Amino acid sequence: MSTRPPITLDPHTDPWERQPHETPKKHGQFVTYRDLGRTRTLTEAAQRLTLAYGHVRNLASEYRWRQRVEAYDRHLDDQYQAMWLQERRRAAETDAKILGAAIGKLAQRLTTINAADMTVGDFIRLMDVAMRHRRVLFGDPTETIAVTGEGANPLAQQFAEFAQMSPEQRRTRLADLADSVNQRIRAVDGSDDEEE
C-alpha cells in the first residue's frame, strides 16, 4: 500500500485534469488508465505503462484514480446526453417546420375541397395523420384509452357529427384544427410572441 496519503483534489479543477502537486508524468500515467475506457483495470494500466502492478496500485491510491475516472465517466455521460438532447431538439424543430408547411398547404386547399365529396374515411385519415404528427412533435401521448359506457365511443361520435355537418361547417372545423396545429408550431418556433 502507498505510504503517502491521497492527494486532495482541487475543487476548481475537473478531477480528471492535472491536479496541484501532480507532475505531468504522473498525470500522463493517470490519463493512460482513464483512457482505457469503462472496462479499465489497474492490471491493464500496469501493462500499458510497463510498470509493476503494485506500483500502479499505489499510484492509483495516492492520486485517487478511481474517484477521478468515475467523475470523468459521469462527465462523458452528461456530454452524451446533452448532445442527443440537442439533436432531438433540432429534429423536432425541423419536423415542426415540415408539419407547419404541410398543414399550411392543407389549410390552403380547404377552401377548394368540396366537403360533400369528402368521406368520413377521408376525414379520419386526414385528421389521424395531422394529429398523430402533432402529438409526437409536442410530446403529447400518441395513444389514449377511453373507458366508455354503453353506446358509441367518443371518437365514433365525433366522426358521426362530422358526417352530419354541412360542407361549410366541415371546412370551418378543418380550418380550426389547422389553426390549432399552426399555433403550436409558431409557439415552438417562438414566433407567437404578442409583439407581432
N, C-alpha and C. Protein backbone atom coordinates (compact mmCIF):
# COMPACT_ATOMS: atom_id res chain seq x y z
N MET A 1 0.84 -1.18 0.00
CA MET A 1 0.00 0.00 0.00
C MET A 1 0.88 1.24 0.00
N SER A 2 0.37 2.34 -0.56
CA SER A 2 1.13 3.58 -0.63
C SER A 2 1.36 4.14 0.77
N THR A 3 2.55 4.65 0.97
CA THR A 3 2.85 5.25 2.27
C THR A 3 2.42 6.70 2.32
N ARG A 4 2.13 7.26 1.15
CA ARG A 4 1.71 8.66 1.09
C ARG A 4 0.19 8.75 1.18
N PRO A 5 -0.32 9.80 1.83
CA PRO A 5 -1.78 9.96 1.87
C PRO A 5 -2.30 10.39 0.50
N PRO A 6 -3.56 10.10 0.19
CA PRO A 6 -4.12 10.51 -1.11
C PRO A 6 -4.09 12.04 -1.26
N ILE A 7 -3.92 12.47 -2.51
CA ILE A 7 -3.91 13.91 -2.77
C ILE A 7 -5.30 14.49 -2.51
N THR A 8 -5.32 15.78 -2.30
CA THR A 8 -6.58 16.50 -2.18
C THR A 8 -6.89 17.06 -3.56
N LEU A 9 -8.07 16.74 -4.07
CA LEU A 9 -8.45 17.23 -5.40
C LEU A 9 -8.81 18.71 -5.32
N ASP A 10 -8.35 19.45 -6.31
CA ASP A 10 -8.63 20.88 -6.38
C ASP A 10 -10.10 21.07 -6.76
N PRO A 11 -10.88 21.76 -5.91
CA PRO A 11 -12.31 21.94 -6.22
C PRO A 11 -12.55 22.84 -7.44
N HIS A 12 -11.54 23.56 -7.88
CA HIS A 12 -11.69 24.47 -9.02
C HIS A 12 -11.20 23.84 -10.33
N THR A 13 -10.78 22.59 -10.25
CA THR A 13 -10.27 21.88 -11.43
C THR A 13 -11.05 20.59 -11.58
N ASP A 14 -11.41 20.26 -12.82
CA ASP A 14 -12.09 18.98 -13.04
C ASP A 14 -11.19 17.87 -12.54
N PRO A 15 -11.75 16.88 -11.86
CA PRO A 15 -10.94 15.82 -11.25
C PRO A 15 -10.03 15.08 -12.24
N TRP A 16 -10.43 14.98 -13.49
CA TRP A 16 -9.63 14.24 -14.46
C TRP A 16 -8.50 15.09 -15.04
N GLU A 17 -8.49 16.38 -14.72
CA GLU A 17 -7.39 17.25 -15.15
C GLU A 17 -6.23 17.14 -14.17
N ARG A 18 -5.08 17.65 -14.59
CA ARG A 18 -3.89 17.59 -13.74
C ARG A 18 -4.15 18.36 -12.46
N GLN A 19 -3.84 17.75 -11.35
CA GLN A 19 -4.09 18.31 -10.02
C GLN A 19 -2.83 18.98 -9.47
N PRO A 20 -3.00 19.90 -8.51
CA PRO A 20 -1.82 20.50 -7.87
C PRO A 20 -0.92 19.40 -7.29
N HIS A 21 0.35 19.57 -7.42
CA HIS A 21 1.35 18.62 -6.92
C HIS A 21 1.36 17.30 -7.68
N GLU A 22 0.71 17.26 -8.84
CA GLU A 22 0.75 16.08 -9.69
C GLU A 22 1.65 16.43 -10.88
N THR A 23 2.72 15.73 -11.03
CA THR A 23 3.65 16.03 -12.12
C THR A 23 3.02 15.66 -13.46
N PRO A 24 3.50 16.26 -14.53
CA PRO A 24 2.99 15.87 -15.86
C PRO A 24 3.12 14.36 -16.10
N LYS A 25 4.21 13.76 -15.64
CA LYS A 25 4.42 12.32 -15.82
C LYS A 25 3.34 11.53 -15.06
N LYS A 26 3.09 11.90 -13.82
CA LYS A 26 2.07 11.20 -13.02
C LYS A 26 0.68 11.39 -13.64
N HIS A 27 0.41 12.60 -14.14
CA HIS A 27 -0.88 12.83 -14.78
C HIS A 27 -1.00 12.00 -16.06
N GLY A 28 0.10 11.90 -16.81
CA GLY A 28 0.09 11.07 -18.01
C GLY A 28 -0.21 9.61 -17.70
N GLN A 29 0.31 9.13 -16.57
CA GLN A 29 0.02 7.76 -16.16
C GLN A 29 -1.47 7.60 -15.84
N PHE A 30 -2.02 8.60 -15.16
CA PHE A 30 -3.46 8.58 -14.87
C PHE A 30 -4.26 8.58 -16.17
N VAL A 31 -3.86 9.43 -17.12
CA VAL A 31 -4.58 9.52 -18.40
C VAL A 31 -4.56 8.18 -19.13
N THR A 32 -3.45 7.48 -19.06
CA THR A 32 -3.39 6.15 -19.68
C THR A 32 -4.47 5.25 -19.07
N TYR A 33 -4.58 5.27 -17.75
CA TYR A 33 -5.61 4.48 -17.06
C TYR A 33 -7.00 4.98 -17.44
N ARG A 34 -7.21 6.28 -17.41
CA ARG A 34 -8.52 6.89 -17.71
C ARG A 34 -8.98 6.50 -19.11
N ASP A 35 -8.07 6.57 -20.06
CA ASP A 35 -8.44 6.36 -21.46
C ASP A 35 -8.60 4.90 -21.85
N LEU A 36 -8.43 4.00 -20.90
CA LEU A 36 -8.69 2.59 -21.19
C LEU A 36 -10.19 2.31 -21.33
N GLY A 37 -11.01 3.25 -20.94
CA GLY A 37 -12.46 3.09 -21.06
C GLY A 37 -13.07 2.47 -19.82
N ARG A 38 -14.35 2.23 -19.88
CA ARG A 38 -15.09 1.80 -18.70
C ARG A 38 -14.72 0.42 -18.20
N THR A 39 -14.08 -0.36 -19.02
CA THR A 39 -13.66 -1.70 -18.56
C THR A 39 -12.22 -1.67 -18.05
N ARG A 40 -11.71 -0.49 -17.79
CA ARG A 40 -10.31 -0.32 -17.36
C ARG A 40 -10.02 -1.11 -16.09
N THR A 41 -8.81 -1.56 -16.00
CA THR A 41 -8.32 -2.23 -14.78
C THR A 41 -6.92 -1.73 -14.49
N LEU A 42 -6.52 -1.84 -13.24
CA LEU A 42 -5.16 -1.46 -12.87
C LEU A 42 -4.16 -2.41 -13.51
N THR A 43 -4.53 -3.66 -13.68
CA THR A 43 -3.64 -4.62 -14.32
C THR A 43 -3.34 -4.19 -15.75
N GLU A 44 -4.38 -3.81 -16.48
CA GLU A 44 -4.19 -3.37 -17.86
C GLU A 44 -3.37 -2.08 -17.91
N ALA A 45 -3.62 -1.17 -16.98
CA ALA A 45 -2.84 0.07 -16.92
C ALA A 45 -1.37 -0.24 -16.65
N ALA A 46 -1.11 -1.16 -15.75
CA ALA A 46 0.28 -1.54 -15.44
C ALA A 46 0.96 -2.10 -16.68
N GLN A 47 0.24 -2.91 -17.44
CA GLN A 47 0.81 -3.46 -18.67
C GLN A 47 1.10 -2.37 -19.68
N ARG A 48 0.16 -1.46 -19.86
CA ARG A 48 0.35 -0.36 -20.82
C ARG A 48 1.50 0.55 -20.41
N LEU A 49 1.61 0.79 -19.12
CA LEU A 49 2.65 1.69 -18.61
C LEU A 49 3.99 0.98 -18.40
N THR A 50 3.98 -0.33 -18.58
CA THR A 50 5.14 -1.19 -18.30
C THR A 50 5.71 -0.91 -16.90
N LEU A 51 4.80 -0.91 -15.95
CA LEU A 51 5.16 -0.72 -14.54
C LEU A 51 4.64 -1.91 -13.74
N ALA A 52 5.22 -2.13 -12.60
CA ALA A 52 4.76 -3.21 -11.73
C ALA A 52 3.35 -2.90 -11.24
N TYR A 53 2.53 -3.95 -11.14
CA TYR A 53 1.15 -3.79 -10.69
C TYR A 53 1.10 -3.09 -9.32
N GLY A 54 1.94 -3.48 -8.38
CA GLY A 54 1.93 -2.88 -7.04
C GLY A 54 2.22 -1.40 -7.09
N HIS A 55 3.10 -0.98 -7.97
CA HIS A 55 3.42 0.45 -8.11
C HIS A 55 2.20 1.21 -8.66
N VAL A 56 1.57 0.63 -9.67
CA VAL A 56 0.38 1.26 -10.26
C VAL A 56 -0.75 1.32 -9.23
N ARG A 57 -0.91 0.27 -8.44
CA ARG A 57 -1.94 0.28 -7.39
C ARG A 57 -1.67 1.42 -6.40
N ASN A 58 -0.40 1.63 -6.04
CA ASN A 58 -0.04 2.72 -5.12
C ASN A 58 -0.30 4.08 -5.76
N LEU A 59 0.04 4.23 -7.04
CA LEU A 59 -0.25 5.49 -7.76
C LEU A 59 -1.75 5.76 -7.77
N ALA A 60 -2.50 4.71 -8.08
CA ALA A 60 -3.97 4.86 -8.15
C ALA A 60 -4.54 5.29 -6.82
N SER A 61 -4.01 4.77 -5.74
CA SER A 61 -4.49 5.14 -4.41
C SER A 61 -4.09 6.58 -4.08
N GLU A 62 -2.81 6.88 -4.29
CA GLU A 62 -2.31 8.21 -3.93
C GLU A 62 -2.95 9.31 -4.76
N TYR A 63 -3.18 9.05 -6.05
CA TYR A 63 -3.71 10.09 -6.94
C TYR A 63 -5.21 9.92 -7.23
N ARG A 64 -5.87 9.10 -6.45
CA ARG A 64 -7.33 8.94 -6.49
C ARG A 64 -7.85 8.62 -7.90
N TRP A 65 -7.20 7.70 -8.55
CA TRP A 65 -7.57 7.38 -9.92
C TRP A 65 -9.02 6.94 -10.05
N ARG A 66 -9.46 6.09 -9.17
CA ARG A 66 -10.85 5.58 -9.32
C ARG A 66 -11.87 6.70 -9.14
N GLN A 67 -11.67 7.54 -8.16
CA GLN A 67 -12.58 8.66 -7.94
C GLN A 67 -12.58 9.58 -9.15
N ARG A 68 -11.41 9.81 -9.70
CA ARG A 68 -11.28 10.73 -10.83
C ARG A 68 -11.89 10.16 -12.11
N VAL A 69 -11.71 8.85 -12.34
CA VAL A 69 -12.30 8.27 -13.56
C VAL A 69 -13.82 8.16 -13.44
N GLU A 70 -14.33 7.98 -12.23
CA GLU A 70 -15.79 7.99 -12.06
C GLU A 70 -16.35 9.34 -12.43
N ALA A 71 -15.67 10.41 -12.00
CA ALA A 71 -16.11 11.76 -12.37
C ALA A 71 -15.99 11.97 -13.88
N TYR A 72 -14.94 11.44 -14.47
CA TYR A 72 -14.73 11.56 -15.91
C TYR A 72 -15.84 10.83 -16.67
N ASP A 73 -16.15 9.62 -16.24
CA ASP A 73 -17.20 8.85 -16.91
C ASP A 73 -18.55 9.56 -16.80
N ARG A 74 -18.85 10.12 -15.64
CA ARG A 74 -20.10 10.89 -15.48
C ARG A 74 -20.10 12.09 -16.42
N HIS A 75 -18.97 12.75 -16.53
CA HIS A 75 -18.83 13.90 -17.43
C HIS A 75 -19.12 13.48 -18.88
N LEU A 76 -18.56 12.36 -19.31
CA LEU A 76 -18.81 11.88 -20.67
C LEU A 76 -20.29 11.53 -20.86
N ASP A 77 -20.90 10.93 -19.84
CA ASP A 77 -22.33 10.62 -19.91
C ASP A 77 -23.15 11.88 -20.07
N ASP A 78 -22.81 12.91 -19.30
CA ASP A 78 -23.53 14.18 -19.38
C ASP A 78 -23.38 14.80 -20.77
N GLN A 79 -22.17 14.75 -21.31
CA GLN A 79 -21.94 15.30 -22.66
C GLN A 79 -22.75 14.52 -23.70
N TYR A 80 -22.78 13.22 -23.56
CA TYR A 80 -23.52 12.37 -24.49
C TYR A 80 -25.02 12.70 -24.43
N GLN A 81 -25.55 12.81 -23.22
CA GLN A 81 -26.96 13.13 -23.07
C GLN A 81 -27.27 14.51 -23.63
N ALA A 82 -26.41 15.48 -23.38
CA ALA A 82 -26.62 16.84 -23.89
C ALA A 82 -26.60 16.84 -25.42
N MET A 83 -25.68 16.07 -26.01
CA MET A 83 -25.59 16.01 -27.46
C MET A 83 -26.88 15.45 -28.05
N TRP A 84 -27.40 14.36 -27.47
CA TRP A 84 -28.62 13.77 -28.01
C TRP A 84 -29.84 14.63 -27.75
N LEU A 85 -29.85 15.34 -26.63
CA LEU A 85 -30.94 16.27 -26.38
C LEU A 85 -30.95 17.36 -27.45
N GLN A 86 -29.79 17.89 -27.78
CA GLN A 86 -29.69 18.91 -28.82
C GLN A 86 -30.12 18.35 -30.17
N GLU A 87 -29.72 17.13 -30.48
CA GLU A 87 -30.12 16.51 -31.74
C GLU A 87 -31.63 16.32 -31.80
N ARG A 88 -32.22 15.88 -30.67
CA ARG A 88 -33.69 15.72 -30.64
C ARG A 88 -34.38 17.06 -30.83
N ARG A 89 -33.83 18.11 -30.23
CA ARG A 89 -34.43 19.44 -30.40
C ARG A 89 -34.36 19.89 -31.84
N ARG A 90 -33.20 19.69 -32.47
CA ARG A 90 -33.06 20.08 -33.89
C ARG A 90 -34.05 19.30 -34.76
N ALA A 91 -34.16 18.00 -34.49
CA ALA A 91 -35.09 17.18 -35.27
C ALA A 91 -36.53 17.65 -35.05
N ALA A 92 -36.88 18.00 -33.81
CA ALA A 92 -38.24 18.48 -33.53
C ALA A 92 -38.50 19.80 -34.23
N GLU A 93 -37.51 20.69 -34.26
CA GLU A 93 -37.67 21.97 -34.96
C GLU A 93 -37.87 21.74 -36.45
N THR A 94 -37.09 20.84 -37.02
CA THR A 94 -37.23 20.52 -38.44
C THR A 94 -38.60 19.91 -38.71
N ASP A 95 -38.99 18.96 -37.86
CA ASP A 95 -40.30 18.33 -38.02
C ASP A 95 -41.42 19.36 -37.89
N ALA A 96 -41.26 20.30 -36.96
CA ALA A 96 -42.30 21.34 -36.78
C ALA A 96 -42.42 22.18 -38.03
N LYS A 97 -41.31 22.52 -38.65
CA LYS A 97 -41.37 23.32 -39.88
C LYS A 97 -42.03 22.54 -41.02
N ILE A 98 -41.66 21.27 -41.13
CA ILE A 98 -42.26 20.44 -42.18
C ILE A 98 -43.75 20.28 -41.94
N LEU A 99 -44.12 19.99 -40.69
CA LEU A 99 -45.53 19.83 -40.36
C LEU A 99 -46.28 21.14 -40.59
N GLY A 100 -45.65 22.26 -40.21
CA GLY A 100 -46.28 23.56 -40.43
C GLY A 100 -46.52 23.83 -41.89
N ALA A 101 -45.53 23.51 -42.73
CA ALA A 101 -45.68 23.71 -44.17
C ALA A 101 -46.78 22.81 -44.72
N ALA A 102 -46.80 21.56 -44.26
CA ALA A 102 -47.83 20.63 -44.74
C ALA A 102 -49.22 21.08 -44.31
N ILE A 103 -49.35 21.51 -43.06
CA ILE A 103 -50.65 21.98 -42.58
C ILE A 103 -51.05 23.26 -43.31
N GLY A 104 -50.06 24.12 -43.59
CA GLY A 104 -50.35 25.34 -44.34
C GLY A 104 -50.89 25.03 -45.72
N LYS A 105 -50.25 24.07 -46.40
CA LYS A 105 -50.74 23.66 -47.73
C LYS A 105 -52.13 23.06 -47.62
N LEU A 106 -52.33 22.27 -46.59
CA LEU A 106 -53.65 21.68 -46.38
C LEU A 106 -54.69 22.77 -46.12
N ALA A 107 -54.33 23.74 -45.30
CA ALA A 107 -55.26 24.83 -44.99
C ALA A 107 -55.62 25.61 -46.26
N GLN A 108 -54.63 25.80 -47.14
CA GLN A 108 -54.90 26.49 -48.41
C GLN A 108 -55.89 25.70 -49.26
N ARG A 109 -55.75 24.37 -49.23
CA ARG A 109 -56.63 23.53 -50.03
C ARG A 109 -58.03 23.42 -49.45
N LEU A 110 -58.19 23.73 -48.16
CA LEU A 110 -59.51 23.58 -47.54
C LEU A 110 -60.57 24.40 -48.26
N THR A 111 -60.18 25.55 -48.77
CA THR A 111 -61.17 26.40 -49.45
C THR A 111 -61.60 25.82 -50.79
N THR A 112 -60.75 24.94 -51.37
CA THR A 112 -61.10 24.38 -52.67
C THR A 112 -61.63 22.95 -52.58
N ILE A 113 -61.51 22.34 -51.41
CA ILE A 113 -62.01 20.97 -51.24
C ILE A 113 -63.52 21.01 -51.15
N ASN A 114 -64.14 20.16 -51.89
CA ASN A 114 -65.58 20.04 -51.82
C ASN A 114 -65.89 19.08 -50.67
N ALA A 115 -66.31 19.63 -49.56
CA ALA A 115 -66.55 18.82 -48.37
C ALA A 115 -67.60 17.74 -48.61
N ALA A 116 -68.53 17.99 -49.53
CA ALA A 116 -69.55 16.99 -49.83
C ALA A 116 -68.93 15.75 -50.45
N ASP A 117 -67.80 15.93 -51.13
CA ASP A 117 -67.12 14.79 -51.75
C ASP A 117 -66.22 14.05 -50.76
N MET A 118 -66.02 14.65 -49.59
CA MET A 118 -65.11 14.06 -48.61
C MET A 118 -65.87 13.03 -47.78
N THR A 119 -65.33 11.82 -47.77
CA THR A 119 -65.99 10.77 -46.98
C THR A 119 -65.51 10.87 -45.53
N VAL A 120 -66.22 10.18 -44.68
CA VAL A 120 -65.80 10.11 -43.28
C VAL A 120 -64.41 9.46 -43.20
N GLY A 121 -64.16 8.48 -44.04
CA GLY A 121 -62.85 7.83 -44.08
C GLY A 121 -61.74 8.81 -44.47
N ASP A 122 -62.04 9.67 -45.46
CA ASP A 122 -61.05 10.69 -45.86
C ASP A 122 -60.74 11.61 -44.69
N PHE A 123 -61.79 12.04 -44.02
CA PHE A 123 -61.61 12.94 -42.87
C PHE A 123 -60.80 12.24 -41.78
N ILE A 124 -61.12 10.99 -41.52
CA ILE A 124 -60.42 10.24 -40.47
C ILE A 124 -58.93 10.15 -40.80
N ARG A 125 -58.60 9.79 -42.04
CA ARG A 125 -57.19 9.68 -42.43
C ARG A 125 -56.50 11.03 -42.32
N LEU A 126 -57.13 12.07 -42.79
CA LEU A 126 -56.56 13.42 -42.73
C LEU A 126 -56.28 13.83 -41.28
N MET A 127 -57.25 13.66 -40.44
CA MET A 127 -57.09 14.06 -39.04
C MET A 127 -56.10 13.16 -38.32
N ASP A 128 -56.15 11.87 -38.62
CA ASP A 128 -55.24 10.94 -37.95
C ASP A 128 -53.79 11.30 -38.24
N VAL A 129 -53.47 11.52 -39.50
CA VAL A 129 -52.09 11.85 -39.86
C VAL A 129 -51.66 13.17 -39.23
N ALA A 130 -52.47 14.20 -39.39
CA ALA A 130 -52.10 15.52 -38.86
C ALA A 130 -51.98 15.50 -37.34
N MET A 131 -52.95 14.92 -36.68
CA MET A 131 -52.95 14.96 -35.22
C MET A 131 -51.90 14.01 -34.62
N ARG A 132 -51.65 12.88 -35.26
CA ARG A 132 -50.62 11.97 -34.75
C ARG A 132 -49.24 12.64 -34.81
N HIS A 133 -48.97 13.31 -35.92
CA HIS A 133 -47.69 14.01 -36.04
C HIS A 133 -47.60 15.16 -35.05
N ARG A 134 -48.69 15.85 -34.85
CA ARG A 134 -48.69 16.95 -33.88
C ARG A 134 -48.42 16.43 -32.48
N ARG A 135 -49.07 15.34 -32.11
CA ARG A 135 -48.88 14.78 -30.77
C ARG A 135 -47.44 14.33 -30.55
N VAL A 136 -46.88 13.66 -31.54
CA VAL A 136 -45.49 13.21 -31.42
C VAL A 136 -44.56 14.40 -31.30
N LEU A 137 -44.78 15.39 -32.14
CA LEU A 137 -43.92 16.57 -32.16
C LEU A 137 -43.93 17.32 -30.84
N PHE A 138 -45.08 17.42 -30.23
CA PHE A 138 -45.20 18.20 -29.00
C PHE A 138 -45.16 17.34 -27.74
N GLY A 139 -44.82 16.07 -27.90
CA GLY A 139 -44.65 15.21 -26.74
C GLY A 139 -45.94 14.80 -26.07
N ASP A 140 -47.05 14.97 -26.76
CA ASP A 140 -48.32 14.53 -26.20
C ASP A 140 -48.44 13.02 -26.36
N PRO A 141 -49.27 12.39 -25.56
CA PRO A 141 -49.46 10.95 -25.73
C PRO A 141 -50.00 10.64 -27.12
N THR A 142 -49.49 9.58 -27.73
CA THR A 142 -49.96 9.20 -29.05
C THR A 142 -51.10 8.21 -28.97
N GLU A 143 -51.33 7.70 -27.78
CA GLU A 143 -52.44 6.76 -27.61
C GLU A 143 -53.21 7.15 -26.36
N THR A 144 -54.49 6.98 -26.42
CA THR A 144 -55.32 7.19 -25.24
C THR A 144 -56.23 5.98 -25.09
N ILE A 145 -56.58 5.74 -23.89
CA ILE A 145 -57.53 4.66 -23.62
C ILE A 145 -58.76 5.32 -23.01
N ALA A 146 -59.88 5.15 -23.67
CA ALA A 146 -61.11 5.74 -23.18
C ALA A 146 -62.01 4.62 -22.66
N VAL A 147 -62.48 4.82 -21.46
CA VAL A 147 -63.42 3.86 -20.90
C VAL A 147 -64.80 4.48 -21.09
N THR A 148 -65.62 3.79 -21.82
CA THR A 148 -66.94 4.32 -22.11
C THR A 148 -68.00 3.35 -21.62
N GLY A 149 -69.15 3.88 -21.47
CA GLY A 149 -70.28 3.05 -21.08
C GLY A 149 -70.92 2.45 -22.31
N GLU A 150 -72.15 2.16 -22.21
CA GLU A 150 -72.86 1.60 -23.35
C GLU A 150 -72.99 2.65 -24.43
N GLY A 151 -73.09 2.21 -25.66
CA GLY A 151 -73.23 3.14 -26.78
C GLY A 151 -71.91 3.32 -27.49
N ALA A 152 -71.88 4.27 -28.40
CA ALA A 152 -70.70 4.51 -29.24
C ALA A 152 -69.57 5.13 -28.44
N ASN A 153 -68.34 4.91 -28.90
CA ASN A 153 -67.21 5.54 -28.24
C ASN A 153 -67.11 7.00 -28.68
N PRO A 154 -66.40 7.83 -27.92
CA PRO A 154 -66.36 9.27 -28.21
C PRO A 154 -65.83 9.61 -29.60
N LEU A 155 -64.83 8.87 -30.09
CA LEU A 155 -64.27 9.16 -31.40
C LEU A 155 -65.29 8.88 -32.49
N ALA A 156 -66.00 7.78 -32.37
CA ALA A 156 -67.03 7.45 -33.36
C ALA A 156 -68.12 8.51 -33.36
N GLN A 157 -68.45 9.03 -32.18
CA GLN A 157 -69.46 10.09 -32.11
C GLN A 157 -68.98 11.35 -32.83
N GLN A 158 -67.68 11.68 -32.66
CA GLN A 158 -67.15 12.87 -33.35
C GLN A 158 -67.18 12.68 -34.86
N PHE A 159 -66.85 11.49 -35.34
CA PHE A 159 -66.90 11.22 -36.78
C PHE A 159 -68.33 11.29 -37.30
N ALA A 160 -69.24 10.77 -36.51
CA ALA A 160 -70.65 10.83 -36.91
C ALA A 160 -71.12 12.28 -36.98
N GLU A 161 -70.68 13.10 -36.00
CA GLU A 161 -71.03 14.52 -36.03
C GLU A 161 -70.45 15.19 -37.26
N PHE A 162 -69.20 14.86 -37.60
CA PHE A 162 -68.57 15.45 -38.78
C PHE A 162 -69.34 15.08 -40.04
N ALA A 163 -69.77 13.82 -40.12
CA ALA A 163 -70.52 13.37 -41.29
C ALA A 163 -71.83 14.11 -41.44
N GLN A 164 -72.40 14.56 -40.32
CA GLN A 164 -73.68 15.27 -40.36
C GLN A 164 -73.53 16.76 -40.66
N MET A 165 -72.30 17.27 -40.66
CA MET A 165 -72.08 18.71 -40.87
C MET A 165 -72.28 19.07 -42.34
N SER A 166 -72.62 20.32 -42.52
CA SER A 166 -72.72 20.85 -43.89
C SER A 166 -71.31 21.02 -44.43
N PRO A 167 -71.15 21.14 -45.73
CA PRO A 167 -69.81 21.34 -46.30
C PRO A 167 -69.09 22.56 -45.69
N GLU A 168 -69.81 23.62 -45.47
CA GLU A 168 -69.18 24.82 -44.89
C GLU A 168 -68.73 24.56 -43.45
N GLN A 169 -69.55 23.85 -42.69
CA GLN A 169 -69.17 23.51 -41.31
C GLN A 169 -67.93 22.61 -41.29
N ARG A 170 -67.85 21.68 -42.24
CA ARG A 170 -66.66 20.82 -42.32
C ARG A 170 -65.41 21.64 -42.60
N ARG A 171 -65.51 22.56 -43.57
CA ARG A 171 -64.37 23.41 -43.90
C ARG A 171 -63.94 24.23 -42.69
N THR A 172 -64.92 24.77 -41.96
CA THR A 172 -64.62 25.57 -40.78
C THR A 172 -63.94 24.72 -39.71
N ARG A 173 -64.46 23.51 -39.49
CA ARG A 173 -63.89 22.61 -38.49
C ARG A 173 -62.45 22.25 -38.84
N LEU A 174 -62.19 21.93 -40.11
CA LEU A 174 -60.84 21.58 -40.54
C LEU A 174 -59.90 22.79 -40.45
N ALA A 175 -60.41 23.97 -40.79
CA ALA A 175 -59.59 25.18 -40.69
C ALA A 175 -59.24 25.47 -39.23
N ASP A 176 -60.19 25.26 -38.32
CA ASP A 176 -59.91 25.45 -36.88
C ASP A 176 -58.83 24.50 -36.40
N LEU A 177 -58.92 23.24 -36.84
CA LEU A 177 -57.90 22.26 -36.45
C LEU A 177 -56.53 22.64 -37.01
N ALA A 178 -56.51 23.10 -38.27
CA ALA A 178 -55.23 23.52 -38.88
C ALA A 178 -54.66 24.72 -38.14
N ASP A 179 -55.52 25.67 -37.75
CA ASP A 179 -55.06 26.84 -36.99
C ASP A 179 -54.47 26.42 -35.65
N SER A 180 -55.09 25.45 -35.00
CA SER A 180 -54.59 24.96 -33.71
C SER A 180 -53.18 24.38 -33.85
N VAL A 181 -52.98 23.57 -34.89
CA VAL A 181 -51.66 22.98 -35.13
C VAL A 181 -50.66 24.08 -35.47
N ASN A 182 -51.05 25.02 -36.34
CA ASN A 182 -50.13 26.12 -36.70
C ASN A 182 -49.76 26.97 -35.49
N GLN A 183 -50.69 27.18 -34.59
CA GLN A 183 -50.41 27.96 -33.39
C GLN A 183 -49.36 27.25 -32.54
N ARG A 184 -49.46 25.94 -32.40
CA ARG A 184 -48.45 25.21 -31.63
C ARG A 184 -47.09 25.26 -32.33
N ILE A 185 -47.08 25.18 -33.64
CA ILE A 185 -45.82 25.25 -34.37
C ILE A 185 -45.18 26.62 -34.18
N ARG A 186 -45.99 27.68 -34.24
CA ARG A 186 -45.45 29.03 -34.00
C ARG A 186 -44.90 29.15 -32.59
N ALA A 187 -45.54 28.47 -31.64
CA ALA A 187 -45.05 28.50 -30.25
C ALA A 187 -43.68 27.85 -30.15
N VAL A 188 -43.49 26.75 -30.86
CA VAL A 188 -42.19 26.07 -30.87
C VAL A 188 -41.14 26.97 -31.52
N ASP A 189 -41.49 27.61 -32.62
CA ASP A 189 -40.56 28.49 -33.33
C ASP A 189 -40.30 29.78 -32.57
N GLY A 190 -41.14 30.10 -31.59
CA GLY A 190 -41.00 31.37 -30.87
C GLY A 190 -41.58 32.54 -31.63
N SER A 191 -42.34 32.25 -32.68
CA SER A 191 -42.90 33.33 -33.48
C SER A 191 -44.32 33.68 -33.08
N ASP A 192 -44.75 33.24 -31.91
CA ASP A 192 -46.10 33.55 -31.45
C ASP A 192 -46.12 34.68 -30.43
N ASP A 193 -45.00 35.39 -30.31
CA ASP A 193 -44.94 36.48 -29.36
C ASP A 193 -46.02 37.52 -29.66
N GLU A 194 -46.47 38.18 -28.61
CA GLU A 194 -47.54 39.15 -28.76
C GLU A 194 -47.07 40.44 -29.41
N GLU A 195 -45.74 40.60 -29.62
CA GLU A 195 -45.22 41.83 -30.22
C GLU A 195 -45.60 41.96 -31.68
N GLU A 196 -45.93 40.85 -32.32
CA GLU A 196 -46.23 40.90 -33.76
C GLU A 196 -47.46 41.72 -34.03
